Amino acid sequence: MESTSAAWFYWAALSALFAAMTAIFAKIGLQGIDSDFATLFRTIIIAALLSLFVWATNKWTNPFALPQRAWLFLALSAVATGASWVCYFRALQIGEASKVAPVDKFSLVLVAIFAVIFLGERPSIKDWSGIGLVALGVLVLAIKR
């Protein structure tokens, strides 16, 4: 599927929906539970569900056949994901979901900057305007009243 098709938008919108549900469900589930243990429990469930999905859709590939570069960057992505989850759950446990989630979405601004630096992407002025508004929104939410 071409990256220019509209399909990416639907997947991204579903990602946003599920991310929102994640914040609400996690905030409720974290009551009385250590955030690091909750992250481990969540990760086990995710690994089990993804394993079933890959098996059911016949998408299993020999991981040792992957190029070393793929191994390296997927491993780095996993480390970053784990660190993000630990930080996110800790923030959710001590903060309000309606404040934690928007600050977490500052990652959108960082992705844009990193995409320019490391991937050579060139967002348009319109794109930068939207990214700037997200950054401004995060600042508004983060400033103490």
N, C-alpha and C. Protein backbone atom coordinates (compact mmCIF):
# COMPACT_ATOMS: atom_id res chain seq x y z
N MET A 1 0.85 -1.17 0.00
CA MET A 1 0.00 0.00 0.00
C MET A 1 0.90 1.24 0.00
N GLU A 2 0.60 2.17 -0.84
CA GLU A 2 1.41 3.38 -0.95
C GLU A 2 1.21 4.26 0.27
N SER A 3 2.30 4.95 0.65
CA SER A 3 2.21 5.83 1.81
C SER A 3 1.36 7.06 1.52
N THR A 4 1.10 7.33 0.24
CA THR A 4 0.29 8.49 -0.11
C THR A 4 -1.20 8.19 -0.06
N SER A 5 -1.58 6.92 0.08
CA SER A 5 -3.00 6.59 0.16
C SER A 5 -3.57 7.07 1.49
N ALA A 6 -4.86 7.14 1.57
CA ALA A 6 -5.52 7.61 2.79
C ALA A 6 -5.53 6.55 3.89
N ALA A 7 -5.12 5.34 3.59
CA ALA A 7 -5.17 4.27 4.59
C ALA A 7 -4.35 4.61 5.83
N TRP A 8 -3.24 5.30 5.67
CA TRP A 8 -2.41 5.63 6.83
C TRP A 8 -3.21 6.44 7.84
N PHE A 9 -4.10 7.31 7.34
CA PHE A 9 -4.86 8.18 8.23
C PHE A 9 -5.82 7.37 9.10
N TYR A 10 -6.47 6.39 8.54
CA TYR A 10 -7.41 5.58 9.30
C TYR A 10 -6.69 4.79 10.39
N TRP A 11 -5.53 4.21 10.04
CA TRP A 11 -4.74 3.49 11.04
C TRP A 11 -4.26 4.44 12.13
N ALA A 12 -3.83 5.65 11.77
CA ALA A 12 -3.37 6.63 12.75
C ALA A 12 -4.52 7.08 13.64
N ALA A 13 -5.71 7.26 13.06
CA ALA A 13 -6.88 7.66 13.85
C ALA A 13 -7.26 6.55 14.83
N LEU A 14 -7.20 5.31 14.38
CA LEU A 14 -7.47 4.19 15.30
C LEU A 14 -6.41 4.14 16.40
N SER A 15 -5.17 4.42 16.05
CA SER A 15 -4.11 4.47 17.05
C SER A 15 -4.42 5.52 18.11
N ALA A 16 -4.87 6.68 17.68
CA ALA A 16 -5.23 7.75 18.62
C ALA A 16 -6.39 7.31 19.52
N LEU A 17 -7.39 6.67 18.93
CA LEU A 17 -8.54 6.19 19.71
C LEU A 17 -8.08 5.20 20.77
N PHE A 18 -7.27 4.22 20.36
CA PHE A 18 -6.80 3.22 21.31
C PHE A 18 -5.85 3.82 22.35
N ALA A 19 -5.05 4.81 21.95
CA ALA A 19 -4.17 5.48 22.91
C ALA A 19 -4.99 6.22 23.96
N ALA A 20 -6.09 6.84 23.54
CA ALA A 20 -6.97 7.51 24.49
C ALA A 20 -7.58 6.51 25.46
N MET A 21 -8.02 5.37 24.92
CA MET A 21 -8.58 4.33 25.77
C MET A 21 -7.52 3.81 26.74
N THR A 22 -6.28 3.71 26.25
CA THR A 22 -5.18 3.24 27.09
C THR A 22 -5.03 4.13 28.31
N ALA A 23 -5.05 5.44 28.10
CA ALA A 23 -4.87 6.36 29.22
C ALA A 23 -5.99 6.21 30.25
N ILE A 24 -7.22 6.12 29.80
CA ILE A 24 -8.36 6.03 30.72
C ILE A 24 -8.34 4.70 31.45
N PHE A 25 -8.20 3.60 30.70
CA PHE A 25 -8.18 2.27 31.34
C PHE A 25 -7.00 2.14 32.31
N ALA A 26 -5.84 2.66 31.90
CA ALA A 26 -4.66 2.56 32.77
C ALA A 26 -4.85 3.37 34.04
N LYS A 27 -5.38 4.57 33.93
CA LYS A 27 -5.59 5.41 35.11
C LYS A 27 -6.49 4.70 36.11
N ILE A 28 -7.54 4.07 35.63
CA ILE A 28 -8.45 3.33 36.50
C ILE A 28 -7.75 2.10 37.07
N GLY A 29 -7.01 1.38 36.22
CA GLY A 29 -6.34 0.15 36.63
C GLY A 29 -5.16 0.36 37.56
N LEU A 30 -4.58 1.53 37.55
CA LEU A 30 -3.40 1.80 38.38
C LEU A 30 -3.73 2.05 39.85
N GLN A 31 -4.99 2.15 40.18
CA GLN A 31 -5.37 2.44 41.57
C GLN A 31 -4.92 1.31 42.49
N GLY A 32 -4.00 1.65 43.40
CA GLY A 32 -3.52 0.68 44.38
C GLY A 32 -2.48 -0.30 43.87
N ILE A 33 -1.94 -0.06 42.66
CA ILE A 33 -0.95 -0.97 42.06
C ILE A 33 0.28 -0.17 41.68
N ASP A 34 1.46 -0.74 41.89
CA ASP A 34 2.70 -0.09 41.48
C ASP A 34 2.71 0.08 39.96
N SER A 35 3.10 1.26 39.51
CA SER A 35 3.06 1.56 38.07
C SER A 35 4.02 0.69 37.26
N ASP A 36 5.18 0.33 37.84
CA ASP A 36 6.12 -0.51 37.11
C ASP A 36 5.57 -1.93 36.94
N PHE A 37 4.95 -2.45 38.01
CA PHE A 37 4.33 -3.78 37.90
C PHE A 37 3.19 -3.75 36.89
N ALA A 38 2.41 -2.67 36.91
CA ALA A 38 1.30 -2.54 35.96
C ALA A 38 1.83 -2.53 34.53
N THR A 39 2.96 -1.86 34.31
CA THR A 39 3.55 -1.83 32.97
C THR A 39 3.98 -3.23 32.55
N LEU A 40 4.58 -3.99 33.46
CA LEU A 40 4.98 -5.37 33.16
C LEU A 40 3.76 -6.21 32.80
N PHE A 41 2.71 -6.12 33.62
CA PHE A 41 1.49 -6.88 33.38
C PHE A 41 0.90 -6.54 32.00
N ARG A 42 0.85 -5.25 31.71
CA ARG A 42 0.33 -4.79 30.42
C ARG A 42 1.18 -5.35 29.26
N THR A 43 2.49 -5.34 29.44
CA THR A 43 3.39 -5.83 28.40
C THR A 43 3.19 -7.32 28.13
N ILE A 44 2.97 -8.08 29.19
CA ILE A 44 2.72 -9.53 29.02
C ILE A 44 1.45 -9.75 28.22
N ILE A 45 0.40 -8.99 28.53
CA ILE A 45 -0.87 -9.11 27.79
C ILE A 45 -0.65 -8.73 26.32
N ILE A 46 0.07 -7.64 26.08
CA ILE A 46 0.34 -7.20 24.71
C ILE A 46 1.12 -8.27 23.95
N ALA A 47 2.14 -8.83 24.57
CA ALA A 47 2.95 -9.86 23.91
C ALA A 47 2.10 -11.09 23.55
N ALA A 48 1.23 -11.48 24.47
CA ALA A 48 0.36 -12.64 24.21
C ALA A 48 -0.59 -12.35 23.05
N LEU A 49 -1.23 -11.16 23.08
CA LEU A 49 -2.19 -10.83 22.02
C LEU A 49 -1.50 -10.69 20.66
N LEU A 50 -0.34 -10.05 20.63
CA LEU A 50 0.37 -9.91 19.36
C LEU A 50 0.85 -11.26 18.84
N SER A 51 1.28 -12.14 19.74
CA SER A 51 1.69 -13.48 19.33
C SER A 51 0.53 -14.22 18.67
N LEU A 52 -0.64 -14.13 19.28
CA LEU A 52 -1.83 -14.77 18.70
C LEU A 52 -2.17 -14.15 17.34
N PHE A 53 -2.09 -12.84 17.25
CA PHE A 53 -2.39 -12.15 16.00
C PHE A 53 -1.43 -12.57 14.89
N VAL A 54 -0.14 -12.57 15.18
CA VAL A 54 0.85 -12.95 14.17
C VAL A 54 0.64 -14.40 13.74
N TRP A 55 0.36 -15.27 14.71
CA TRP A 55 0.12 -16.68 14.39
C TRP A 55 -1.16 -16.83 13.55
N ALA A 56 -2.25 -16.18 13.97
CA ALA A 56 -3.54 -16.32 13.29
C ALA A 56 -3.51 -15.76 11.87
N THR A 57 -2.71 -14.75 11.63
CA THR A 57 -2.64 -14.14 10.30
C THR A 57 -1.48 -14.69 9.48
N ASN A 58 -0.82 -15.71 10.02
CA ASN A 58 0.27 -16.39 9.31
C ASN A 58 1.37 -15.41 8.89
N LYS A 59 1.73 -14.52 9.80
CA LYS A 59 2.75 -13.52 9.50
C LYS A 59 4.10 -13.82 10.17
N TRP A 60 4.22 -14.99 10.78
CA TRP A 60 5.48 -15.33 11.45
C TRP A 60 6.61 -15.41 10.43
N THR A 61 7.72 -14.79 10.79
CA THR A 61 8.94 -14.83 9.99
C THR A 61 10.07 -15.23 10.91
N ASN A 62 11.03 -15.93 10.38
CA ASN A 62 12.19 -16.31 11.18
C ASN A 62 12.94 -15.03 11.57
N PRO A 63 12.96 -14.69 12.86
CA PRO A 63 13.62 -13.45 13.26
C PRO A 63 15.12 -13.44 12.96
N PHE A 64 15.73 -14.63 12.89
CA PHE A 64 17.17 -14.69 12.61
C PHE A 64 17.48 -14.40 11.15
N ALA A 65 16.43 -14.34 10.32
CA ALA A 65 16.62 -14.00 8.90
C ALA A 65 16.55 -12.49 8.67
N LEU A 66 16.21 -11.74 9.70
CA LEU A 66 16.13 -10.28 9.57
C LEU A 66 17.53 -9.69 9.44
N PRO A 67 17.65 -8.60 8.70
CA PRO A 67 18.96 -7.93 8.61
C PRO A 67 19.38 -7.38 9.97
N GLN A 68 20.69 -7.29 10.20
CA GLN A 68 21.20 -6.78 11.47
C GLN A 68 20.71 -5.37 11.76
N ARG A 69 20.59 -4.56 10.72
CA ARG A 69 20.11 -3.19 10.90
C ARG A 69 18.68 -3.19 11.46
N ALA A 70 17.84 -4.10 10.95
CA ALA A 70 16.47 -4.22 11.45
C ALA A 70 16.49 -4.63 12.93
N TRP A 71 17.31 -5.61 13.27
CA TRP A 71 17.45 -6.04 14.67
C TRP A 71 17.81 -4.86 15.56
N LEU A 72 18.83 -4.10 15.14
CA LEU A 72 19.32 -2.98 15.94
C LEU A 72 18.23 -1.95 16.17
N PHE A 73 17.58 -1.51 15.10
CA PHE A 73 16.61 -0.43 15.25
C PHE A 73 15.30 -0.90 15.87
N LEU A 74 14.91 -2.14 15.66
CA LEU A 74 13.73 -2.66 16.36
C LEU A 74 14.03 -2.82 17.86
N ALA A 75 15.25 -3.23 18.18
CA ALA A 75 15.64 -3.34 19.59
C ALA A 75 15.67 -1.95 20.24
N LEU A 76 16.23 -0.97 19.55
CA LEU A 76 16.25 0.40 20.08
C LEU A 76 14.82 0.93 20.25
N SER A 77 13.94 0.61 19.30
CA SER A 77 12.55 1.02 19.40
C SER A 77 11.88 0.36 20.61
N ALA A 78 12.20 -0.90 20.85
CA ALA A 78 11.64 -1.60 22.01
C ALA A 78 12.10 -0.97 23.32
N VAL A 79 13.38 -0.63 23.39
CA VAL A 79 13.91 0.01 24.60
C VAL A 79 13.21 1.36 24.81
N ALA A 80 13.07 2.13 23.73
CA ALA A 80 12.40 3.43 23.84
C ALA A 80 10.94 3.26 24.24
N THR A 81 10.27 2.26 23.68
CA THR A 81 8.87 1.99 24.03
C THR A 81 8.75 1.63 25.51
N GLY A 82 9.61 0.74 25.97
CA GLY A 82 9.58 0.35 27.38
C GLY A 82 9.81 1.54 28.29
N ALA A 83 10.78 2.36 27.97
CA ALA A 83 11.06 3.55 28.79
C ALA A 83 9.86 4.50 28.76
N SER A 84 9.26 4.66 27.58
CA SER A 84 8.09 5.53 27.45
C SER A 84 6.94 5.01 28.31
N TRP A 85 6.69 3.72 28.26
CA TRP A 85 5.59 3.14 29.03
C TRP A 85 5.81 3.29 30.53
N VAL A 86 7.04 3.04 30.99
CA VAL A 86 7.34 3.18 32.42
C VAL A 86 7.07 4.63 32.86
N CYS A 87 7.57 5.58 32.07
CA CYS A 87 7.38 6.99 32.40
C CYS A 87 5.90 7.39 32.33
N TYR A 88 5.20 6.90 31.30
CA TYR A 88 3.80 7.24 31.11
C TYR A 88 2.95 6.71 32.26
N PHE A 89 3.16 5.46 32.64
CA PHE A 89 2.37 4.88 33.72
C PHE A 89 2.68 5.56 35.04
N ARG A 90 3.95 5.92 35.26
CA ARG A 90 4.30 6.64 36.49
C ARG A 90 3.60 7.98 36.52
N ALA A 91 3.61 8.69 35.38
CA ALA A 91 2.95 10.00 35.29
C ALA A 91 1.44 9.84 35.50
N LEU A 92 0.84 8.81 34.91
CA LEU A 92 -0.60 8.59 35.07
C LEU A 92 -0.96 8.29 36.52
N GLN A 93 -0.07 7.56 37.18
CA GLN A 93 -0.37 7.19 38.55
C GLN A 93 -0.41 8.41 39.47
N ILE A 94 0.44 9.39 39.21
CA ILE A 94 0.51 10.54 40.11
C ILE A 94 -0.16 11.79 39.56
N GLY A 95 -0.53 11.78 38.28
CA GLY A 95 -1.14 12.95 37.67
C GLY A 95 -2.51 12.66 37.09
N GLU A 96 -3.15 13.68 36.60
CA GLU A 96 -4.46 13.54 35.97
C GLU A 96 -4.29 13.11 34.52
N ALA A 97 -5.09 12.15 34.09
CA ALA A 97 -5.00 11.64 32.73
C ALA A 97 -5.19 12.75 31.70
N SER A 98 -6.08 13.69 32.00
CA SER A 98 -6.37 14.78 31.06
C SER A 98 -5.19 15.74 30.92
N LYS A 99 -4.23 15.68 31.83
CA LYS A 99 -3.03 16.50 31.73
C LYS A 99 -1.84 15.69 31.25
N VAL A 100 -1.74 14.44 31.71
CA VAL A 100 -0.61 13.59 31.34
C VAL A 100 -0.63 13.27 29.85
N ALA A 101 -1.77 12.84 29.33
CA ALA A 101 -1.85 12.42 27.93
C ALA A 101 -1.46 13.52 26.95
N PRO A 102 -1.95 14.74 27.10
CA PRO A 102 -1.53 15.79 26.16
C PRO A 102 -0.03 16.08 26.22
N VAL A 103 0.55 16.07 27.41
CA VAL A 103 2.00 16.31 27.50
C VAL A 103 2.75 15.17 26.83
N ASP A 104 2.25 13.93 27.01
CA ASP A 104 2.85 12.78 26.35
C ASP A 104 2.83 12.96 24.83
N LYS A 105 1.81 13.63 24.33
CA LYS A 105 1.70 13.84 22.89
C LYS A 105 2.66 14.90 22.36
N PHE A 106 3.45 15.49 23.25
CA PHE A 106 4.55 16.35 22.78
C PHE A 106 5.50 15.53 21.92
N SER A 107 5.37 14.22 22.03
CA SER A 107 6.17 13.33 21.17
C SER A 107 5.93 13.66 19.70
N LEU A 108 4.75 14.14 19.36
CA LEU A 108 4.45 14.53 17.99
C LEU A 108 5.44 15.60 17.51
N VAL A 109 5.71 16.58 18.36
CA VAL A 109 6.65 17.65 18.02
C VAL A 109 8.05 17.06 17.86
N LEU A 110 8.41 16.20 18.81
CA LEU A 110 9.74 15.59 18.74
C LEU A 110 9.90 14.68 17.53
N VAL A 111 8.86 13.94 17.18
CA VAL A 111 8.92 13.10 15.98
C VAL A 111 9.17 13.94 14.75
N ALA A 112 8.48 15.07 14.64
CA ALA A 112 8.67 15.95 13.48
C ALA A 112 10.12 16.43 13.40
N ILE A 113 10.65 16.87 14.54
CA ILE A 113 12.03 17.36 14.56
C ILE A 113 13.01 16.24 14.23
N PHE A 114 12.83 15.07 14.85
CA PHE A 114 13.72 13.94 14.59
C PHE A 114 13.59 13.44 13.15
N ALA A 115 12.38 13.50 12.58
CA ALA A 115 12.18 13.07 11.19
C ALA A 115 12.95 13.96 10.23
N VAL A 116 13.00 15.25 10.54
CA VAL A 116 13.79 16.18 9.72
C VAL A 116 15.27 15.85 9.85
N ILE A 117 15.73 15.67 11.08
CA ILE A 117 17.16 15.45 11.33
C ILE A 117 17.64 14.10 10.82
N PHE A 118 16.90 13.03 11.16
CA PHE A 118 17.39 11.68 10.89
C PHE A 118 16.83 11.02 9.64
N LEU A 119 15.65 11.45 9.20
CA LEU A 119 15.02 10.80 8.04
C LEU A 119 14.99 11.68 6.80
N GLY A 120 15.38 12.93 6.97
CA GLY A 120 15.40 13.84 5.83
C GLY A 120 14.02 14.28 5.38
N GLU A 121 13.02 14.13 6.22
CA GLU A 121 11.68 14.57 5.85
C GLU A 121 11.61 16.09 5.88
N ARG A 122 10.72 16.65 5.09
CA ARG A 122 10.57 18.10 5.00
C ARG A 122 9.10 18.48 5.13
N PRO A 123 8.62 18.64 6.38
CA PRO A 123 7.23 19.06 6.57
C PRO A 123 6.99 20.44 5.95
N SER A 124 5.77 20.64 5.47
CA SER A 124 5.40 21.92 4.86
C SER A 124 5.17 22.98 5.95
N ILE A 125 5.00 24.21 5.51
CA ILE A 125 4.68 25.30 6.45
C ILE A 125 3.38 24.99 7.19
N LYS A 126 2.40 24.45 6.47
CA LYS A 126 1.14 24.06 7.09
C LYS A 126 1.38 23.00 8.17
N ASP A 127 2.23 22.01 7.85
CA ASP A 127 2.55 20.97 8.84
C ASP A 127 3.22 21.57 10.07
N TRP A 128 4.20 22.45 9.85
CA TRP A 128 4.90 23.08 10.97
C TRP A 128 3.95 23.94 11.80
N SER A 129 2.98 24.56 11.15
CA SER A 129 2.00 25.36 11.88
C SER A 129 1.21 24.48 12.85
N GLY A 130 0.76 23.34 12.37
CA GLY A 130 0.03 22.40 13.23
C GLY A 130 0.91 21.86 14.34
N ILE A 131 2.14 21.53 14.01
CA ILE A 131 3.08 21.03 15.01
C ILE A 131 3.33 22.10 16.07
N GLY A 132 3.47 23.34 15.62
CA GLY A 132 3.65 24.45 16.55
C GLY A 132 2.46 24.64 17.47
N LEU A 133 1.26 24.46 16.93
CA LEU A 133 0.06 24.58 17.76
C LEU A 133 0.01 23.47 18.82
N VAL A 134 0.45 22.28 18.45
CA VAL A 134 0.51 21.19 19.43
C VAL A 134 1.49 21.57 20.54
N ALA A 135 2.66 22.08 20.15
CA ALA A 135 3.66 22.49 21.14
C ALA A 135 3.09 23.58 22.06
N LEU A 136 2.41 24.53 21.47
CA LEU A 136 1.80 25.60 22.26
C LEU A 136 0.75 25.03 23.21
N GLY A 137 -0.04 24.10 22.74
CA GLY A 137 -1.06 23.46 23.58
C GLY A 137 -0.44 22.75 24.76
N VAL A 138 0.67 22.05 24.53
CA VAL A 138 1.35 21.36 25.62
C VAL A 138 1.85 22.38 26.65
N LEU A 139 2.42 23.48 26.16
CA LEU A 139 2.90 24.52 27.08
C LEU A 139 1.76 25.10 27.92
N VAL A 140 0.63 25.34 27.29
CA VAL A 140 -0.53 25.88 28.00
C VAL A 140 -0.96 24.91 29.11
N LEU A 141 -0.98 23.63 28.79
CA LEU A 141 -1.37 22.63 29.77
C LEU A 141 -0.33 22.45 30.89
N ALA A 142 0.93 22.65 30.55
CA ALA A 142 2.01 22.39 31.50
C ALA A 142 2.24 23.56 32.46
N ILE A 143 1.86 24.77 32.05
CA ILE A 143 2.10 25.94 32.90
C ILE A 143 1.16 25.89 34.09
N LYS A 144 1.75 26.05 35.28
CA LYS A 144 0.93 26.01 36.50
C LYS A 144 0.02 27.22 36.55
N ARG A 145 -1.16 27.00 37.05
CA ARG A 145 -2.17 28.06 37.12
C ARG A 145 -1.92 28.97 38.29
